[in-house]
Amino acid sequence: MKNNNLKQKIMKKNMGKVDKMLRLIVAMIIGVLYFNNSIHGVLGTILIVLAIVFVITSFVRFCPLYLPFGMNTCDNKAEK
């Protein structure tokens, strides 16, 4: 039971709608630039990995980097 409470506390939604949309837009732009060969090489690989992370965190609505800073971009209590 204690492990389940810890998981709920850690995976609590901390990303609002605006943050989610911005991440998806940035991920799409990076994807288009990558597949048009505007960015390539090591930079292209790093940016495409970042875009994948942005898409995953957008759908989960949880960003682990927000935890140490206590950030929460949710608009209201209903989104949590």
N, C-alpha and C. Protein backbone atom coordinates (compact mmCIF):
# COMPACT_ATOMS: atom_id res chain seq x y z
N MET A 1 0.83 -1.19 0.00
CA MET A 1 0.00 0.00 0.00
C MET A 1 0.87 1.25 0.00
N LYS A 2 1.96 1.23 0.76
CA LYS A 2 2.83 2.40 0.84
C LYS A 2 3.48 2.70 -0.51
N ASN A 3 3.87 1.67 -1.25
CA ASN A 3 4.48 1.84 -2.56
C ASN A 3 3.51 2.48 -3.54
N ASN A 4 2.23 2.13 -3.48
CA ASN A 4 1.21 2.70 -4.35
C ASN A 4 1.03 4.19 -4.06
N ASN A 5 1.04 4.59 -2.78
CA ASN A 5 0.91 5.99 -2.42
C ASN A 5 2.09 6.80 -2.93
N LEU A 6 3.28 6.23 -2.89
CA LEU A 6 4.48 6.90 -3.38
C LEU A 6 4.37 7.12 -4.89
N LYS A 7 3.90 6.10 -5.61
CA LYS A 7 3.74 6.22 -7.06
C LYS A 7 2.73 7.30 -7.41
N GLN A 8 1.63 7.37 -6.69
CA GLN A 8 0.63 8.40 -6.94
C GLN A 8 1.19 9.78 -6.69
N LYS A 9 2.00 9.92 -5.67
CA LYS A 9 2.58 11.21 -5.34
C LYS A 9 3.59 11.63 -6.41
N ILE A 10 4.39 10.68 -6.87
CA ILE A 10 5.42 10.99 -7.86
C ILE A 10 4.81 11.27 -9.23
N MET A 11 3.84 10.50 -9.66
CA MET A 11 3.28 10.64 -11.00
C MET A 11 2.06 11.57 -11.06
N LYS A 12 1.93 12.45 -10.11
CA LYS A 12 0.82 13.40 -10.10
C LYS A 12 0.98 14.38 -11.26
N LYS A 13 -0.10 14.68 -11.96
CA LYS A 13 -0.03 15.58 -13.10
C LYS A 13 0.50 16.93 -12.66
N ASN A 14 1.46 17.44 -13.42
CA ASN A 14 2.03 18.74 -13.09
C ASN A 14 2.20 19.61 -14.33
N MET A 15 1.47 19.29 -15.40
CA MET A 15 1.59 20.02 -16.65
C MET A 15 0.22 20.49 -17.12
N GLY A 16 0.10 21.78 -17.36
CA GLY A 16 -1.16 22.36 -17.81
C GLY A 16 -1.36 22.22 -19.31
N LYS A 17 -2.51 22.70 -19.78
CA LYS A 17 -2.87 22.59 -21.20
C LYS A 17 -1.94 23.40 -22.08
N VAL A 18 -1.59 24.61 -21.64
CA VAL A 18 -0.71 25.46 -22.46
C VAL A 18 0.66 24.83 -22.59
N ASP A 19 1.20 24.33 -21.49
CA ASP A 19 2.50 23.67 -21.51
C ASP A 19 2.46 22.45 -22.43
N LYS A 20 1.39 21.69 -22.36
CA LYS A 20 1.22 20.50 -23.19
C LYS A 20 1.21 20.88 -24.68
N MET A 21 0.46 21.90 -25.03
CA MET A 21 0.37 22.31 -26.43
C MET A 21 1.70 22.86 -26.94
N LEU A 22 2.40 23.64 -26.12
CA LEU A 22 3.70 24.17 -26.54
C LEU A 22 4.70 23.05 -26.81
N ARG A 23 4.70 22.05 -25.95
CA ARG A 23 5.61 20.92 -26.14
C ARG A 23 5.28 20.16 -27.42
N LEU A 24 4.00 19.96 -27.69
CA LEU A 24 3.61 19.25 -28.91
C LEU A 24 3.98 20.05 -30.16
N ILE A 25 3.79 21.36 -30.11
CA ILE A 25 4.14 22.21 -31.26
C ILE A 25 5.64 22.18 -31.51
N VAL A 26 6.43 22.31 -30.45
CA VAL A 26 7.89 22.27 -30.59
C VAL A 26 8.33 20.90 -31.12
N ALA A 27 7.71 19.84 -30.63
CA ALA A 27 8.06 18.49 -31.10
C ALA A 27 7.74 18.34 -32.59
N MET A 28 6.60 18.88 -33.03
CA MET A 28 6.24 18.80 -34.44
C MET A 28 7.22 19.58 -35.30
N ILE A 29 7.61 20.77 -34.85
CA ILE A 29 8.57 21.58 -35.61
C ILE A 29 9.90 20.85 -35.73
N ILE A 30 10.37 20.28 -34.62
CA ILE A 30 11.63 19.53 -34.66
C ILE A 30 11.51 18.34 -35.61
N GLY A 31 10.38 17.63 -35.54
CA GLY A 31 10.17 16.49 -36.42
C GLY A 31 10.19 16.87 -37.89
N VAL A 32 9.53 17.97 -38.24
CA VAL A 32 9.51 18.43 -39.63
C VAL A 32 10.91 18.82 -40.08
N LEU A 33 11.62 19.56 -39.24
CA LEU A 33 12.98 19.96 -39.59
C LEU A 33 13.91 18.75 -39.75
N TYR A 34 13.73 17.76 -38.88
CA TYR A 34 14.57 16.56 -38.94
C TYR A 34 14.30 15.76 -40.22
N PHE A 35 13.04 15.55 -40.56
CA PHE A 35 12.70 14.73 -41.72
C PHE A 35 12.88 15.48 -43.04
N ASN A 36 13.03 16.80 -43.00
CA ASN A 36 13.38 17.57 -44.18
C ASN A 36 14.89 17.75 -44.31
N ASN A 37 15.64 17.12 -43.43
CA ASN A 37 17.10 17.19 -43.37
C ASN A 37 17.62 18.61 -43.15
N SER A 38 16.83 19.45 -42.51
CA SER A 38 17.30 20.79 -42.13
C SER A 38 18.23 20.69 -40.92
N ILE A 39 17.96 19.72 -40.06
CA ILE A 39 18.86 19.43 -38.95
C ILE A 39 19.27 17.97 -39.09
N HIS A 40 20.54 17.69 -38.86
CA HIS A 40 21.04 16.33 -39.01
C HIS A 40 22.27 16.15 -38.15
N GLY A 41 22.80 14.96 -38.17
CA GLY A 41 23.98 14.66 -37.37
C GLY A 41 23.64 14.53 -35.90
N VAL A 42 24.62 14.87 -35.07
CA VAL A 42 24.46 14.75 -33.62
C VAL A 42 23.36 15.69 -33.12
N LEU A 43 23.35 16.92 -33.63
CA LEU A 43 22.31 17.87 -33.22
C LEU A 43 20.93 17.35 -33.58
N GLY A 44 20.78 16.79 -34.77
CA GLY A 44 19.49 16.24 -35.18
C GLY A 44 19.05 15.09 -34.29
N THR A 45 19.99 14.24 -33.93
CA THR A 45 19.67 13.11 -33.06
C THR A 45 19.24 13.58 -31.68
N ILE A 46 19.98 14.54 -31.13
CA ILE A 46 19.62 15.07 -29.81
C ILE A 46 18.26 15.74 -29.84
N LEU A 47 17.98 16.51 -30.88
CA LEU A 47 16.69 17.21 -30.96
C LEU A 47 15.53 16.25 -31.20
N ILE A 48 15.73 15.18 -31.97
CA ILE A 48 14.64 14.24 -32.19
C ILE A 48 14.34 13.45 -30.91
N VAL A 49 15.37 13.15 -30.12
CA VAL A 49 15.15 12.50 -28.82
C VAL A 49 14.39 13.45 -27.90
N LEU A 50 14.76 14.72 -27.90
CA LEU A 50 14.04 15.72 -27.11
C LEU A 50 12.58 15.83 -27.54
N ALA A 51 12.34 15.78 -28.85
CA ALA A 51 10.97 15.84 -29.36
C ALA A 51 10.16 14.63 -28.89
N ILE A 52 10.77 13.47 -28.88
CA ILE A 52 10.08 12.26 -28.41
C ILE A 52 9.74 12.39 -26.92
N VAL A 53 10.68 12.90 -26.14
CA VAL A 53 10.43 13.12 -24.71
C VAL A 53 9.30 14.12 -24.52
N PHE A 54 9.28 15.20 -25.33
CA PHE A 54 8.20 16.19 -25.25
C PHE A 54 6.84 15.56 -25.53
N VAL A 55 6.76 14.70 -26.53
CA VAL A 55 5.49 14.05 -26.87
C VAL A 55 5.04 13.13 -25.74
N ILE A 56 5.96 12.33 -25.21
CA ILE A 56 5.60 11.41 -24.13
C ILE A 56 5.13 12.17 -22.90
N THR A 57 5.88 13.20 -22.49
CA THR A 57 5.49 13.95 -21.30
C THR A 57 4.20 14.72 -21.52
N SER A 58 3.92 15.10 -22.76
CA SER A 58 2.66 15.80 -23.05
C SER A 58 1.47 14.87 -22.86
N PHE A 59 1.58 13.64 -23.33
CA PHE A 59 0.46 12.71 -23.20
C PHE A 59 0.27 12.24 -21.76
N VAL A 60 1.35 12.11 -21.02
CA VAL A 60 1.27 11.68 -19.63
C VAL A 60 0.90 12.86 -18.72
N ARG A 61 1.20 14.08 -19.18
CA ARG A 61 0.98 15.32 -18.45
C ARG A 61 1.77 15.35 -17.14
N PHE A 62 2.96 14.79 -17.21
CA PHE A 62 3.86 14.77 -16.06
C PHE A 62 5.27 15.01 -16.55
N CYS A 63 5.94 15.97 -15.96
CA CYS A 63 7.33 16.26 -16.29
C CYS A 63 8.19 16.02 -15.05
N PRO A 64 9.07 15.02 -15.09
CA PRO A 64 9.89 14.73 -13.91
C PRO A 64 10.85 15.86 -13.55
N LEU A 65 11.21 16.70 -14.50
CA LEU A 65 12.11 17.82 -14.20
C LEU A 65 11.44 18.91 -13.37
N TYR A 66 10.12 18.91 -13.34
CA TYR A 66 9.39 19.90 -12.52
C TYR A 66 9.46 19.56 -11.03
N LEU A 67 9.63 18.28 -10.69
CA LEU A 67 9.60 17.85 -9.29
C LEU A 67 10.64 18.54 -8.40
N PRO A 68 11.93 18.53 -8.76
CA PRO A 68 12.92 19.14 -7.86
C PRO A 68 12.70 20.64 -7.64
N PHE A 69 12.07 21.29 -8.62
CA PHE A 69 11.84 22.73 -8.52
C PHE A 69 10.46 23.07 -7.96
N GLY A 70 9.64 22.06 -7.73
CA GLY A 70 8.30 22.28 -7.20
C GLY A 70 7.38 22.98 -8.18
N MET A 71 7.66 22.85 -9.47
CA MET A 71 6.86 23.52 -10.49
C MET A 71 5.59 22.75 -10.77
N ASN A 72 4.55 23.48 -11.13
CA ASN A 72 3.28 22.90 -11.50
C ASN A 72 2.57 23.90 -12.41
N THR A 73 2.35 23.54 -13.67
CA THR A 73 1.72 24.45 -14.60
C THR A 73 0.24 24.14 -14.82
N CYS A 74 -0.33 23.26 -14.00
CA CYS A 74 -1.76 22.97 -14.10
C CYS A 74 -2.53 24.24 -13.78
N ASP A 75 -3.61 24.47 -14.52
CA ASP A 75 -4.39 25.68 -14.37
C ASP A 75 -5.21 25.70 -13.10
N ASN A 76 -5.82 24.58 -12.77
CA ASN A 76 -6.66 24.54 -11.56
C ASN A 76 -6.63 23.15 -10.96
N LYS A 77 -7.33 22.99 -9.86
CA LYS A 77 -7.33 21.71 -9.13
C LYS A 77 -8.00 20.61 -9.93
N ALA A 78 -8.93 20.95 -10.85
CA ALA A 78 -9.65 19.93 -11.61
C ALA A 78 -8.73 19.18 -12.57
N GLU A 79 -7.64 19.81 -13.02
CA GLU A 79 -6.73 19.15 -13.95
C GLU A 79 -5.84 18.12 -13.27
N LYS A 80 -5.63 18.22 -12.00
CA LYS A 80 -4.72 17.32 -11.28
C LYS A 80 -5.27 15.98 -11.13
